[in-house]
Amino acid sequence: MRSIVKMSKTVEEAVDMALKELGVNKEDVNVEILEEPSKGLFGLIGSKDAVVKVTVINDPVEKVKNFLSRMLSYMKIKGDCVAKKEGSCLYVEIVDISSSDTGIVIGKRGNTLDAIQYLLSLVINKNREDYIKVIVDVKGYRKRREDTLIKLANKMAQKAKYSNRPVKLEPMNPYERRIIHSALQHVDGIDTHSEGEDPYRRVVIQAK
């Protein structure tokens, strides 16, 4: 388990410094007060700072790496992952994986990758008060898919505008539908909405 010792004028400040450096929340750690702060004589001479030892007991990064390693092993896929927590988001990149296995992990239109992401989200957020958003990627697939969807959105918007007929796209997950809506949000003369029920919910593009 990762641990760190910090010193500051108050226990609270020392703990906050440790949490920031470790990149975790207070609920994920155990705090041991090694020394209580004291003001000393006249508040100046002999004053002591607080010293705390903060140990991570519920590390989302380690948890997601362990779970994903087992998952890849069960799928008979050789690979590893790199995880980094930034604020309320946990970014996970699957690395050291062959091209053929990359296709298996991604699946048709990213369905398998989305399923892996969903399972990791369940594991990480179980019994947590603060929600951590988990984003899983492999070899830059998310960015390539986003670029493809934006191009599709603009192309279909032009088609809807010139034909003056609604254009219905293929069913997509909520994340991909948001990309379409966002890409066309400020396009003149175009409106978008979603229809149907998941997993068959789709975006409809139409001229205003």
N, C-alpha and C. Protein backbone atom coordinates (compact mmCIF):
# COMPACT_ATOMS: atom_id res chain seq x y z
N MET A 1 0.84 -1.19 0.00
CA MET A 1 0.00 0.00 0.00
C MET A 1 0.88 1.24 0.00
N ARG A 2 0.46 2.24 -0.77
CA ARG A 2 1.21 3.49 -0.84
C ARG A 2 0.96 4.32 0.42
N SER A 3 2.02 4.95 0.91
CA SER A 3 1.87 5.82 2.07
C SER A 3 2.84 6.99 1.94
N ILE A 4 2.53 8.06 2.66
CA ILE A 4 3.35 9.26 2.59
C ILE A 4 3.26 9.99 3.92
N VAL A 5 4.36 10.63 4.32
CA VAL A 5 4.40 11.41 5.55
C VAL A 5 4.48 12.88 5.18
N LYS A 6 3.59 13.68 5.79
CA LYS A 6 3.56 15.10 5.50
C LYS A 6 3.57 15.93 6.79
N MET A 7 4.13 17.14 6.68
CA MET A 7 4.23 18.03 7.82
C MET A 7 3.64 19.39 7.45
N SER A 8 2.83 19.94 8.36
CA SER A 8 2.26 21.26 8.14
C SER A 8 1.84 21.85 9.48
N LYS A 9 1.33 23.08 9.44
CA LYS A 9 0.96 23.76 10.68
C LYS A 9 -0.22 23.10 11.37
N THR A 10 -1.11 22.51 10.58
CA THR A 10 -2.27 21.81 11.16
C THR A 10 -2.37 20.42 10.57
N VAL A 11 -3.09 19.57 11.28
CA VAL A 11 -3.30 18.20 10.80
C VAL A 11 -4.07 18.22 9.48
N GLU A 12 -5.08 19.07 9.41
CA GLU A 12 -5.91 19.14 8.21
C GLU A 12 -5.09 19.54 6.98
N GLU A 13 -4.20 20.53 7.14
CA GLU A 13 -3.36 20.96 6.02
C GLU A 13 -2.41 19.84 5.59
N ALA A 14 -1.85 19.14 6.54
CA ALA A 14 -0.93 18.04 6.22
C ALA A 14 -1.64 16.92 5.48
N VAL A 15 -2.86 16.60 5.93
CA VAL A 15 -3.64 15.56 5.27
C VAL A 15 -4.01 15.97 3.85
N ASP A 16 -4.43 17.22 3.68
CA ASP A 16 -4.78 17.72 2.35
C ASP A 16 -3.59 17.66 1.40
N MET A 17 -2.40 17.99 1.88
CA MET A 17 -1.19 17.92 1.06
C MET A 17 -0.93 16.48 0.62
N ALA A 18 -1.12 15.54 1.55
CA ALA A 18 -0.89 14.13 1.25
C ALA A 18 -1.89 13.60 0.23
N LEU A 19 -3.17 13.98 0.40
CA LEU A 19 -4.21 13.54 -0.52
C LEU A 19 -3.94 14.04 -1.93
N LYS A 20 -3.51 15.28 -2.03
CA LYS A 20 -3.23 15.87 -3.34
C LYS A 20 -2.08 15.16 -4.03
N GLU A 21 -1.03 14.86 -3.26
CA GLU A 21 0.13 14.19 -3.85
C GLU A 21 -0.17 12.75 -4.23
N LEU A 22 -0.98 12.08 -3.43
CA LEU A 22 -1.33 10.69 -3.70
C LEU A 22 -2.42 10.57 -4.78
N GLY A 23 -3.16 11.64 -4.99
CA GLY A 23 -4.21 11.63 -6.00
C GLY A 23 -5.42 10.81 -5.61
N VAL A 24 -5.77 10.81 -4.34
CA VAL A 24 -6.93 10.05 -3.85
C VAL A 24 -7.78 10.94 -2.95
N ASN A 25 -8.94 10.42 -2.56
CA ASN A 25 -9.84 11.13 -1.66
C ASN A 25 -9.66 10.65 -0.23
N LYS A 26 -10.20 11.42 0.71
CA LYS A 26 -10.00 11.11 2.12
C LYS A 26 -10.60 9.76 2.50
N GLU A 27 -11.68 9.38 1.83
CA GLU A 27 -12.33 8.11 2.16
C GLU A 27 -11.48 6.91 1.73
N ASP A 28 -10.44 7.15 0.92
CA ASP A 28 -9.61 6.08 0.40
C ASP A 28 -8.36 5.85 1.24
N VAL A 29 -8.19 6.59 2.33
CA VAL A 29 -6.94 6.51 3.07
C VAL A 29 -7.15 6.29 4.56
N ASN A 30 -6.07 5.91 5.21
CA ASN A 30 -6.02 5.84 6.67
C ASN A 30 -5.03 6.91 7.14
N VAL A 31 -5.45 7.72 8.09
CA VAL A 31 -4.61 8.82 8.57
C VAL A 31 -4.09 8.50 9.98
N GLU A 32 -2.77 8.55 10.11
CA GLU A 32 -2.13 8.33 11.41
C GLU A 32 -1.40 9.62 11.81
N ILE A 33 -1.80 10.18 12.93
CA ILE A 33 -1.17 11.41 13.40
C ILE A 33 0.09 11.05 14.19
N LEU A 34 1.24 11.37 13.61
CA LEU A 34 2.51 11.06 14.26
C LEU A 34 2.88 12.10 15.31
N GLU A 35 2.56 13.36 15.02
CA GLU A 35 2.83 14.43 15.98
C GLU A 35 1.74 15.48 15.90
N GLU A 36 1.20 15.86 17.06
CA GLU A 36 0.22 16.93 17.10
C GLU A 36 0.95 18.28 17.03
N PRO A 37 0.33 19.28 16.43
CA PRO A 37 0.97 20.59 16.36
C PRO A 37 0.95 21.27 17.72
N SER A 38 1.96 22.10 17.98
CA SER A 38 1.99 22.87 19.22
C SER A 38 2.58 24.24 18.93
N LYS A 39 2.07 25.26 19.62
CA LYS A 39 2.49 26.63 19.37
C LYS A 39 3.80 26.99 20.07
N GLY A 40 4.12 26.31 21.16
CA GLY A 40 5.36 26.61 21.87
C GLY A 40 5.25 27.85 22.73
N LEU A 41 6.36 28.28 23.27
CA LEU A 41 6.39 29.43 24.17
C LEU A 41 6.09 30.72 23.42
N PHE A 42 5.11 31.46 23.93
CA PHE A 42 4.66 32.73 23.33
C PHE A 42 4.20 32.55 21.88
N GLY A 43 3.89 31.30 21.52
CA GLY A 43 3.43 31.04 20.16
C GLY A 43 4.53 31.07 19.13
N LEU A 44 5.78 31.18 19.59
CA LEU A 44 6.91 31.28 18.65
C LEU A 44 8.00 30.25 18.95
N ILE A 45 8.57 30.32 20.10
CA ILE A 45 9.72 29.49 20.45
C ILE A 45 9.27 28.04 20.71
N GLY A 46 9.90 27.13 20.04
CA GLY A 46 9.61 25.71 20.26
C GLY A 46 8.33 25.22 19.63
N SER A 47 7.76 25.97 18.72
CA SER A 47 6.53 25.53 18.06
C SER A 47 6.83 24.33 17.15
N LYS A 48 5.84 23.46 17.04
CA LYS A 48 6.01 22.25 16.24
C LYS A 48 4.85 22.11 15.24
N ASP A 49 5.19 21.65 14.05
CA ASP A 49 4.17 21.38 13.05
C ASP A 49 3.55 20.01 13.28
N ALA A 50 2.39 19.83 12.69
CA ALA A 50 1.74 18.53 12.74
C ALA A 50 2.42 17.59 11.74
N VAL A 51 2.56 16.33 12.11
CA VAL A 51 3.14 15.32 11.23
C VAL A 51 2.15 14.16 11.11
N VAL A 52 1.78 13.84 9.89
CA VAL A 52 0.81 12.76 9.67
C VAL A 52 1.36 11.75 8.66
N LYS A 53 0.93 10.53 8.82
CA LYS A 53 1.23 9.48 7.85
C LYS A 53 -0.08 9.05 7.22
N VAL A 54 -0.17 9.21 5.90
CA VAL A 54 -1.40 8.90 5.17
C VAL A 54 -1.14 7.66 4.30
N THR A 55 -1.94 6.63 4.51
CA THR A 55 -1.77 5.36 3.78
C THR A 55 -3.01 5.08 2.95
N VAL A 56 -2.80 4.76 1.68
CA VAL A 56 -3.91 4.45 0.78
C VAL A 56 -4.40 3.04 1.05
N ILE A 57 -5.66 2.90 1.42
CA ILE A 57 -6.23 1.57 1.70
C ILE A 57 -7.27 1.17 0.66
N ASN A 58 -7.68 2.13 -0.18
CA ASN A 58 -8.66 1.83 -1.24
C ASN A 58 -8.24 2.62 -2.47
N ASP A 59 -7.26 2.09 -3.20
CA ASP A 59 -6.68 2.80 -4.33
C ASP A 59 -7.42 2.45 -5.62
N PRO A 60 -8.19 3.39 -6.20
CA PRO A 60 -8.92 3.10 -7.45
C PRO A 60 -7.99 2.68 -8.58
N VAL A 61 -6.81 3.27 -8.65
CA VAL A 61 -5.87 2.93 -9.72
C VAL A 61 -5.43 1.47 -9.61
N GLU A 62 -5.03 1.06 -8.41
CA GLU A 62 -4.60 -0.33 -8.22
C GLU A 62 -5.76 -1.29 -8.43
N LYS A 63 -6.93 -0.90 -7.97
CA LYS A 63 -8.10 -1.77 -8.10
C LYS A 63 -8.45 -2.02 -9.56
N VAL A 64 -8.42 -0.96 -10.38
CA VAL A 64 -8.78 -1.10 -11.78
C VAL A 64 -7.72 -1.89 -12.54
N LYS A 65 -6.45 -1.70 -12.18
CA LYS A 65 -5.37 -2.43 -12.85
C LYS A 65 -5.45 -3.92 -12.54
N ASN A 66 -5.72 -4.25 -11.28
CA ASN A 66 -5.83 -5.67 -10.90
C ASN A 66 -7.02 -6.34 -11.57
N PHE A 67 -8.17 -5.64 -11.59
CA PHE A 67 -9.37 -6.21 -12.19
C PHE A 67 -9.19 -6.40 -13.70
N LEU A 68 -8.63 -5.40 -14.37
CA LEU A 68 -8.46 -5.48 -15.81
C LEU A 68 -7.44 -6.54 -16.20
N SER A 69 -6.40 -6.71 -15.39
CA SER A 69 -5.41 -7.75 -15.67
C SER A 69 -6.05 -9.13 -15.62
N ARG A 70 -6.91 -9.35 -14.64
CA ARG A 70 -7.61 -10.64 -14.55
C ARG A 70 -8.56 -10.82 -15.71
N MET A 71 -9.24 -9.74 -16.09
CA MET A 71 -10.19 -9.82 -17.20
C MET A 71 -9.49 -10.20 -18.50
N LEU A 72 -8.37 -9.54 -18.79
CA LEU A 72 -7.62 -9.85 -20.00
C LEU A 72 -7.11 -11.29 -19.98
N SER A 73 -6.73 -11.75 -18.80
CA SER A 73 -6.25 -13.13 -18.67
C SER A 73 -7.37 -14.12 -18.98
N TYR A 74 -8.57 -13.84 -18.48
CA TYR A 74 -9.72 -14.71 -18.76
C TYR A 74 -10.08 -14.69 -20.25
N MET A 75 -9.83 -13.56 -20.90
CA MET A 75 -10.09 -13.45 -22.34
C MET A 75 -8.95 -14.03 -23.17
N LYS A 76 -7.91 -14.52 -22.48
CA LYS A 76 -6.71 -15.09 -23.12
C LYS A 76 -6.04 -14.07 -24.02
N ILE A 77 -5.96 -12.85 -23.50
CA ILE A 77 -5.33 -11.76 -24.22
C ILE A 77 -4.13 -11.26 -23.41
N LYS A 78 -2.98 -11.16 -24.08
CA LYS A 78 -1.78 -10.65 -23.43
C LYS A 78 -1.77 -9.13 -23.54
N GLY A 79 -1.68 -8.48 -22.41
CA GLY A 79 -1.67 -7.02 -22.41
C GLY A 79 -1.53 -6.48 -21.01
N ASP A 80 -1.37 -5.20 -20.92
CA ASP A 80 -1.23 -4.53 -19.63
C ASP A 80 -2.05 -3.24 -19.69
N CYS A 81 -2.06 -2.49 -18.62
CA CYS A 81 -2.80 -1.23 -18.65
C CYS A 81 -2.08 -0.17 -17.84
N VAL A 82 -2.33 1.07 -18.21
CA VAL A 82 -1.82 2.23 -17.48
C VAL A 82 -3.04 3.03 -17.03
N ALA A 83 -3.13 3.32 -15.76
CA ALA A 83 -4.28 4.06 -15.22
C ALA A 83 -3.80 5.33 -14.53
N LYS A 84 -4.56 6.40 -14.75
CA LYS A 84 -4.21 7.69 -14.15
C LYS A 84 -5.50 8.39 -13.72
N LYS A 85 -5.52 8.84 -12.47
CA LYS A 85 -6.69 9.54 -11.95
C LYS A 85 -6.47 11.04 -12.01
N GLU A 86 -7.39 11.73 -12.65
CA GLU A 86 -7.36 13.19 -12.73
C GLU A 86 -8.71 13.73 -12.26
N GLY A 87 -8.71 14.32 -11.09
CA GLY A 87 -9.96 14.82 -10.53
C GLY A 87 -10.94 13.68 -10.28
N SER A 88 -12.12 13.77 -10.86
CA SER A 88 -13.15 12.74 -10.68
C SER A 88 -13.15 11.74 -11.83
N CYS A 89 -12.13 11.76 -12.68
CA CYS A 89 -12.04 10.84 -13.81
C CYS A 89 -10.84 9.91 -13.66
N LEU A 90 -11.03 8.66 -14.07
CA LEU A 90 -9.96 7.68 -14.07
C LEU A 90 -9.75 7.22 -15.52
N TYR A 91 -8.61 7.58 -16.08
CA TYR A 91 -8.30 7.23 -17.47
C TYR A 91 -7.47 5.95 -17.50
N VAL A 92 -7.95 4.97 -18.27
CA VAL A 92 -7.29 3.67 -18.35
C VAL A 92 -6.93 3.39 -19.81
N GLU A 93 -5.66 3.12 -20.06
CA GLU A 93 -5.18 2.82 -21.40
C GLU A 93 -4.66 1.38 -21.40
N ILE A 94 -5.22 0.54 -22.29
CA ILE A 94 -4.74 -0.83 -22.45
C ILE A 94 -3.53 -0.80 -23.37
N VAL A 95 -2.41 -1.34 -22.91
CA VAL A 95 -1.15 -1.26 -23.66
C VAL A 95 -0.55 -2.65 -23.83
N ASP A 96 0.55 -2.69 -24.60
CA ASP A 96 1.30 -3.93 -24.84
C ASP A 96 0.39 -5.04 -25.33
N ILE A 97 -0.44 -4.71 -26.31
CA ILE A 97 -1.42 -5.65 -26.85
C ILE A 97 -1.23 -5.77 -28.35
N SER A 98 -1.41 -6.97 -28.91
CA SER A 98 -1.21 -7.19 -30.33
C SER A 98 -2.34 -6.58 -31.15
N SER A 99 -2.09 -6.40 -32.44
CA SER A 99 -3.10 -5.80 -33.31
C SER A 99 -4.35 -6.66 -33.40
N SER A 100 -4.17 -7.98 -33.47
CA SER A 100 -5.33 -8.88 -33.56
C SER A 100 -6.16 -8.84 -32.28
N ASP A 101 -5.48 -8.81 -31.13
CA ASP A 101 -6.20 -8.74 -29.85
C ASP A 101 -6.85 -7.37 -29.64
N THR A 102 -6.26 -6.34 -30.25
CA THR A 102 -6.86 -5.01 -30.15
C THR A 102 -8.26 -5.00 -30.72
N GLY A 103 -8.43 -5.65 -31.87
CA GLY A 103 -9.75 -5.74 -32.49
C GLY A 103 -10.75 -6.47 -31.60
N ILE A 104 -10.28 -7.50 -30.90
CA ILE A 104 -11.16 -8.26 -30.01
C ILE A 104 -11.60 -7.39 -28.84
N VAL A 105 -10.66 -6.64 -28.27
CA VAL A 105 -10.96 -5.79 -27.12
C VAL A 105 -11.92 -4.67 -27.51
N ILE A 106 -11.75 -4.11 -28.71
CA ILE A 106 -12.63 -3.02 -29.16
C ILE A 106 -14.01 -3.56 -29.49
N GLY A 107 -14.09 -4.64 -30.25
CA GLY A 107 -15.38 -5.21 -30.65
C GLY A 107 -16.05 -4.39 -31.74
N LYS A 108 -17.23 -4.82 -32.15
CA LYS A 108 -17.97 -4.12 -33.21
C LYS A 108 -18.40 -2.74 -32.73
N ARG A 109 -17.92 -1.71 -33.43
CA ARG A 109 -18.20 -0.31 -33.09
C ARG A 109 -17.90 0.01 -31.62
N GLY A 110 -16.92 -0.66 -31.06
CA GLY A 110 -16.50 -0.36 -29.69
C GLY A 110 -17.36 -0.98 -28.61
N ASN A 111 -18.23 -1.94 -28.97
CA ASN A 111 -19.15 -2.51 -27.98
C ASN A 111 -18.42 -3.24 -26.86
N THR A 112 -17.38 -4.01 -27.20
CA THR A 112 -16.64 -4.75 -26.16
C THR A 112 -15.89 -3.79 -25.25
N LEU A 113 -15.27 -2.77 -25.85
CA LEU A 113 -14.54 -1.78 -25.05
C LEU A 113 -15.49 -1.05 -24.11
N ASP A 114 -16.68 -0.74 -24.59
CA ASP A 114 -17.68 -0.09 -23.74
C ASP A 114 -18.12 -1.00 -22.60
N ALA A 115 -18.23 -2.30 -22.88
CA ALA A 115 -18.62 -3.25 -21.84
C ALA A 115 -17.54 -3.36 -20.77
N ILE A 116 -16.28 -3.38 -21.20
CA ILE A 116 -15.16 -3.41 -20.25
C ILE A 116 -15.18 -2.15 -19.38
N GLN A 117 -15.42 -1.02 -20.02
CA GLN A 117 -15.48 0.25 -19.30
C GLN A 117 -16.61 0.24 -18.27
N TYR A 118 -17.75 -0.30 -18.64
CA TYR A 118 -18.91 -0.36 -17.74
C TYR A 118 -18.61 -1.24 -16.52
N LEU A 119 -17.98 -2.40 -16.75
CA LEU A 119 -17.65 -3.30 -15.65
C LEU A 119 -16.64 -2.66 -14.70
N LEU A 120 -15.64 -1.99 -15.25
CA LEU A 120 -14.66 -1.32 -14.41
C LEU A 120 -15.30 -0.21 -13.58
N SER A 121 -16.26 0.49 -14.17
CA SER A 121 -16.96 1.54 -13.46
C SER A 121 -17.74 0.96 -12.27
N LEU A 122 -18.36 -0.19 -12.47
CA LEU A 122 -19.09 -0.84 -11.37
C LEU A 122 -18.14 -1.23 -10.24
N VAL A 123 -16.98 -1.77 -10.61
CA VAL A 123 -16.00 -2.21 -9.61
C VAL A 123 -15.48 -1.02 -8.81
N ILE A 124 -15.12 0.05 -9.50
CA ILE A 124 -14.51 1.20 -8.84
C ILE A 124 -15.51 1.94 -7.95
N ASN A 125 -16.74 2.06 -8.40
CA ASN A 125 -17.72 2.89 -7.69
C ASN A 125 -18.57 2.14 -6.66
N LYS A 126 -18.31 0.87 -6.49
CA LYS A 126 -19.06 0.10 -5.49
C LYS A 126 -18.77 0.65 -4.09
N ASN A 127 -19.83 1.01 -3.40
CA ASN A 127 -19.76 1.52 -2.02
C ASN A 127 -19.00 2.85 -1.91
N ARG A 128 -18.90 3.61 -3.00
CA ARG A 128 -18.26 4.91 -2.96
C ARG A 128 -19.32 6.01 -2.86
N GLU A 129 -19.00 7.06 -2.11
CA GLU A 129 -19.90 8.20 -2.01
C GLU A 129 -19.69 9.15 -3.19
N ASP A 130 -18.45 9.31 -3.61
CA ASP A 130 -18.15 10.19 -4.74
C ASP A 130 -17.93 9.34 -5.99
N TYR A 131 -18.63 9.68 -7.06
CA TYR A 131 -18.59 8.89 -8.29
C TYR A 131 -17.32 9.20 -9.08
N ILE A 132 -16.66 8.15 -9.53
CA ILE A 132 -15.48 8.28 -10.39
C ILE A 132 -15.85 7.83 -11.80
N LYS A 133 -15.68 8.71 -12.77
CA LYS A 133 -15.95 8.37 -14.16
C LYS A 133 -14.76 7.62 -14.73
N VAL A 134 -15.00 6.44 -15.27
CA VAL A 134 -13.94 5.60 -15.83
C VAL A 134 -13.99 5.66 -17.36
N ILE A 135 -12.85 5.96 -17.97
CA ILE A 135 -12.73 6.00 -19.43
C ILE A 135 -11.64 5.03 -19.85
N VAL A 136 -12.00 4.03 -20.65
CA VAL A 136 -11.04 3.02 -21.10
C VAL A 136 -10.79 3.18 -22.59
N ASP A 137 -9.52 3.13 -22.97
CA ASP A 137 -9.16 3.28 -24.38
C ASP A 137 -8.06 2.28 -24.73
N VAL A 138 -7.90 2.04 -26.02
CA VAL A 138 -6.83 1.18 -26.50
C VAL A 138 -6.35 1.71 -27.85
N LYS A 139 -5.07 2.02 -27.92
CA LYS A 139 -4.42 2.49 -29.14
C LYS A 139 -5.18 3.65 -29.81
N GLY A 140 -5.66 4.57 -28.99
CA GLY A 140 -6.30 5.78 -29.51
C GLY A 140 -7.63 5.56 -30.20
N TYR A 141 -8.32 4.46 -29.89
CA TYR A 141 -9.59 4.17 -30.57
C TYR A 141 -10.63 5.25 -30.31
N ARG A 142 -10.74 5.73 -29.07
CA ARG A 142 -11.78 6.72 -28.73
C ARG A 142 -11.68 7.96 -29.60
N LYS A 143 -10.45 8.46 -29.78
CA LYS A 143 -10.26 9.67 -30.58
C LYS A 143 -10.57 9.41 -32.05
N ARG A 144 -10.16 8.28 -32.58
CA ARG A 144 -10.45 7.94 -33.98
C ARG A 144 -11.95 7.80 -34.20
N ARG A 145 -12.62 7.17 -33.26
CA ARG A 145 -14.07 6.99 -33.36
C ARG A 145 -14.78 8.34 -33.29
N GLU A 146 -14.31 9.21 -32.41
CA GLU A 146 -14.91 10.54 -32.29
C GLU A 146 -14.77 11.32 -33.60
N ASP A 147 -13.58 11.28 -34.20
CA ASP A 147 -13.35 11.97 -35.47
C ASP A 147 -14.27 11.42 -36.56
N THR A 148 -14.44 10.10 -36.57
CA THR A 148 -15.31 9.46 -37.57
C THR A 148 -16.76 9.90 -37.39
N LEU A 149 -17.21 9.96 -36.14
CA LEU A 149 -18.59 10.35 -35.87
C LEU A 149 -18.85 11.81 -36.22
N ILE A 150 -17.86 12.68 -35.97
CA ILE A 150 -18.02 14.09 -36.31
C ILE A 150 -18.13 14.27 -37.83
N LYS A 151 -17.30 13.55 -38.58
CA LYS A 151 -17.38 13.60 -40.04
C LYS A 151 -18.73 13.08 -40.53
N LEU A 152 -19.19 11.98 -39.93
CA LEU A 152 -20.49 11.42 -40.30
C LEU A 152 -21.60 12.41 -40.00
N ALA A 153 -21.54 13.05 -38.84
CA ALA A 153 -22.57 14.01 -38.44
C ALA A 153 -22.67 15.15 -39.45
N ASN A 154 -21.55 15.71 -39.84
CA ASN A 154 -21.56 16.83 -40.80
C ASN A 154 -22.04 16.39 -42.18
N LYS A 155 -21.65 15.19 -42.58
CA LYS A 155 -22.08 14.68 -43.88
C LYS A 155 -23.59 14.46 -43.91
N MET A 156 -24.11 13.84 -42.85
CA MET A 156 -25.55 13.57 -42.80
C MET A 156 -26.36 14.85 -42.59
N ALA A 157 -25.76 15.84 -41.96
CA ALA A 157 -26.43 17.13 -41.80
C ALA A 157 -26.64 17.80 -43.15
N GLN A 158 -25.63 17.72 -44.00
CA GLN A 158 -25.75 18.28 -45.34
C GLN A 158 -26.81 17.52 -46.15
N LYS A 159 -26.84 16.21 -45.97
CA LYS A 159 -27.83 15.40 -46.67
C LYS A 159 -29.26 15.78 -46.23
N ALA A 160 -29.42 15.96 -44.90
CA ALA A 160 -30.74 16.32 -44.37
C ALA A 160 -31.17 17.70 -44.85
N LYS A 161 -30.20 18.60 -44.96
CA LYS A 161 -30.50 19.97 -45.37
C LYS A 161 -30.92 20.03 -46.84
N TYR A 162 -30.19 19.32 -47.69
CA TYR A 162 -30.48 19.38 -49.13
C TYR A 162 -31.71 18.56 -49.52
N SER A 163 -31.95 17.44 -48.82
CA SER A 163 -33.11 16.60 -49.14
C SER A 163 -34.36 17.08 -48.41
N ASN A 164 -34.15 17.90 -47.36
CA ASN A 164 -35.25 18.38 -46.52
C ASN A 164 -36.02 17.21 -45.89
N ARG A 165 -35.28 16.13 -45.60
CA ARG A 165 -35.87 14.95 -44.97
C ARG A 165 -35.01 14.54 -43.78
N PRO A 166 -35.64 14.02 -42.74
CA PRO A 166 -34.86 13.56 -41.57
C PRO A 166 -33.94 12.41 -41.95
N VAL A 167 -32.76 12.40 -41.38
CA VAL A 167 -31.80 11.32 -41.58
C VAL A 167 -31.62 10.60 -40.25
N LYS A 168 -31.90 9.30 -40.24
CA LYS A 168 -31.76 8.50 -39.02
C LYS A 168 -30.44 7.75 -39.07
N LEU A 169 -29.64 7.93 -38.03
CA LEU A 169 -28.36 7.23 -37.95
C LEU A 169 -28.54 5.86 -37.31
N GLU A 170 -27.50 5.05 -37.37
CA GLU A 170 -27.54 3.73 -36.75
C GLU A 170 -27.62 3.87 -35.24
N PRO A 171 -28.13 2.86 -34.54
CA PRO A 171 -28.19 2.93 -33.08
C PRO A 171 -26.80 3.14 -32.47
N MET A 172 -26.73 3.98 -31.46
CA MET A 172 -25.46 4.28 -30.80
C MET A 172 -25.66 4.34 -29.30
N ASN A 173 -24.56 4.20 -28.57
CA ASN A 173 -24.63 4.33 -27.11
C ASN A 173 -24.71 5.81 -26.74
N PRO A 174 -25.04 6.12 -25.48
CA PRO A 174 -25.20 7.53 -25.07
C PRO A 174 -23.98 8.40 -25.35
N TYR A 175 -22.78 7.85 -25.13
CA TYR A 175 -21.55 8.62 -25.35
C TYR A 175 -21.43 9.05 -26.81
N GLU A 176 -21.69 8.13 -27.74
CA GLU A 176 -21.56 8.46 -29.16
C GLU A 176 -22.68 9.38 -29.63
N ARG A 177 -23.86 9.22 -29.05
CA ARG A 177 -24.95 10.13 -29.42
C ARG A 177 -24.63 11.56 -28.99
N ARG A 178 -24.00 11.70 -27.83
CA ARG A 178 -23.61 13.04 -27.36
C ARG A 178 -22.61 13.68 -28.32
N ILE A 179 -21.73 12.89 -28.89
CA ILE A 179 -20.76 13.42 -29.85
C ILE A 179 -21.48 13.99 -31.07
N ILE A 180 -22.48 13.27 -31.57
CA ILE A 180 -23.25 13.73 -32.73
C ILE A 180 -23.99 15.01 -32.40
N HIS A 181 -24.70 15.02 -31.28
CA HIS A 181 -25.46 16.21 -30.88
C HIS A 181 -24.54 17.41 -30.71
N SER A 182 -23.39 17.20 -30.08
CA SER A 182 -22.45 18.29 -29.83
C SER A 182 -21.86 18.82 -31.14
N ALA A 183 -21.56 17.92 -32.07
CA ALA A 183 -20.95 18.32 -33.35
C ALA A 183 -21.89 19.20 -34.17
N LEU A 184 -23.20 18.99 -34.04
CA LEU A 184 -24.17 19.72 -34.85
C LEU A 184 -24.93 20.79 -34.07
N GLN A 185 -24.53 21.00 -32.83
CA GLN A 185 -25.25 21.92 -31.96
C GLN A 185 -25.31 23.34 -32.53
N HIS A 186 -24.25 23.78 -33.18
CA HIS A 186 -24.20 25.16 -33.68
C HIS A 186 -24.20 25.24 -35.20
N VAL A 187 -24.65 24.17 -35.86
CA VAL A 187 -24.75 24.18 -37.31
C VAL A 187 -26.08 24.83 -37.71
N ASP A 188 -26.03 25.88 -38.51
CA ASP A 188 -27.23 26.60 -38.91
C ASP A 188 -28.18 25.71 -39.70
N GLY A 189 -29.46 25.82 -39.36
CA GLY A 189 -30.49 25.12 -40.11
C GLY A 189 -30.62 23.65 -39.81
N ILE A 190 -29.94 23.17 -38.76
CA ILE A 190 -29.97 21.74 -38.44
C ILE A 190 -30.41 21.54 -36.99
N ASP A 191 -31.25 20.54 -36.78
CA ASP A 191 -31.70 20.17 -35.45
C ASP A 191 -31.46 18.67 -35.26
N THR A 192 -31.21 18.24 -34.04
CA THR A 192 -31.02 16.81 -33.76
C THR A 192 -31.81 16.40 -32.53
N HIS A 193 -32.23 15.16 -32.53
CA HIS A 193 -32.86 14.58 -31.34
C HIS A 193 -32.65 13.07 -31.39
N SER A 194 -32.87 12.41 -30.27
CA SER A 194 -32.74 10.96 -30.20
C SER A 194 -34.11 10.33 -30.08
N GLU A 195 -34.23 9.14 -30.65
CA GLU A 195 -35.50 8.42 -30.56
C GLU A 195 -35.24 6.93 -30.35
N GLY A 196 -36.24 6.23 -29.82
CA GLY A 196 -36.11 4.80 -29.57
C GLY A 196 -35.60 4.52 -28.17
N GLU A 197 -35.52 3.25 -27.84
CA GLU A 197 -35.06 2.80 -26.53
C GLU A 197 -33.72 2.09 -26.67
N ASP A 198 -32.86 2.28 -25.68
CA ASP A 198 -31.56 1.58 -25.67
C ASP A 198 -31.79 0.07 -25.66
N PRO A 199 -30.97 -0.72 -26.36
CA PRO A 199 -29.75 -0.32 -27.06
C PRO A 199 -29.98 0.10 -28.52
N TYR A 200 -31.23 0.35 -28.89
CA TYR A 200 -31.53 0.70 -30.29
C TYR A 200 -31.81 2.20 -30.46
N ARG A 201 -31.51 2.99 -29.46
CA ARG A 201 -31.75 4.43 -29.53
C ARG A 201 -30.79 5.06 -30.53
N ARG A 202 -31.29 5.95 -31.37
CA ARG A 202 -30.50 6.54 -32.43
C ARG A 202 -30.72 8.04 -32.54
N VAL A 203 -29.80 8.72 -33.21
CA VAL A 203 -29.89 10.16 -33.44
C VAL A 203 -30.62 10.40 -34.77
N VAL A 204 -31.52 11.39 -34.76
CA VAL A 204 -32.19 11.81 -35.98
C VAL A 204 -31.75 13.23 -36.28
N ILE A 205 -31.28 13.43 -37.51
CA ILE A 205 -30.81 14.76 -37.95
C ILE A 205 -31.81 15.29 -38.95
N GLN A 206 -32.25 16.51 -38.75
CA GLN A 206 -33.25 17.08 -39.68
C GLN A 206 -33.05 18.58 -39.85
N ALA A 207 -33.52 19.07 -40.97
CA ALA A 207 -33.46 20.51 -41.23
C ALA A 207 -34.53 21.21 -40.41
N LYS A 208 -34.20 22.40 -39.91
CA LYS A 208 -35.18 23.16 -39.12
C LYS A 208 -36.26 23.71 -40.03
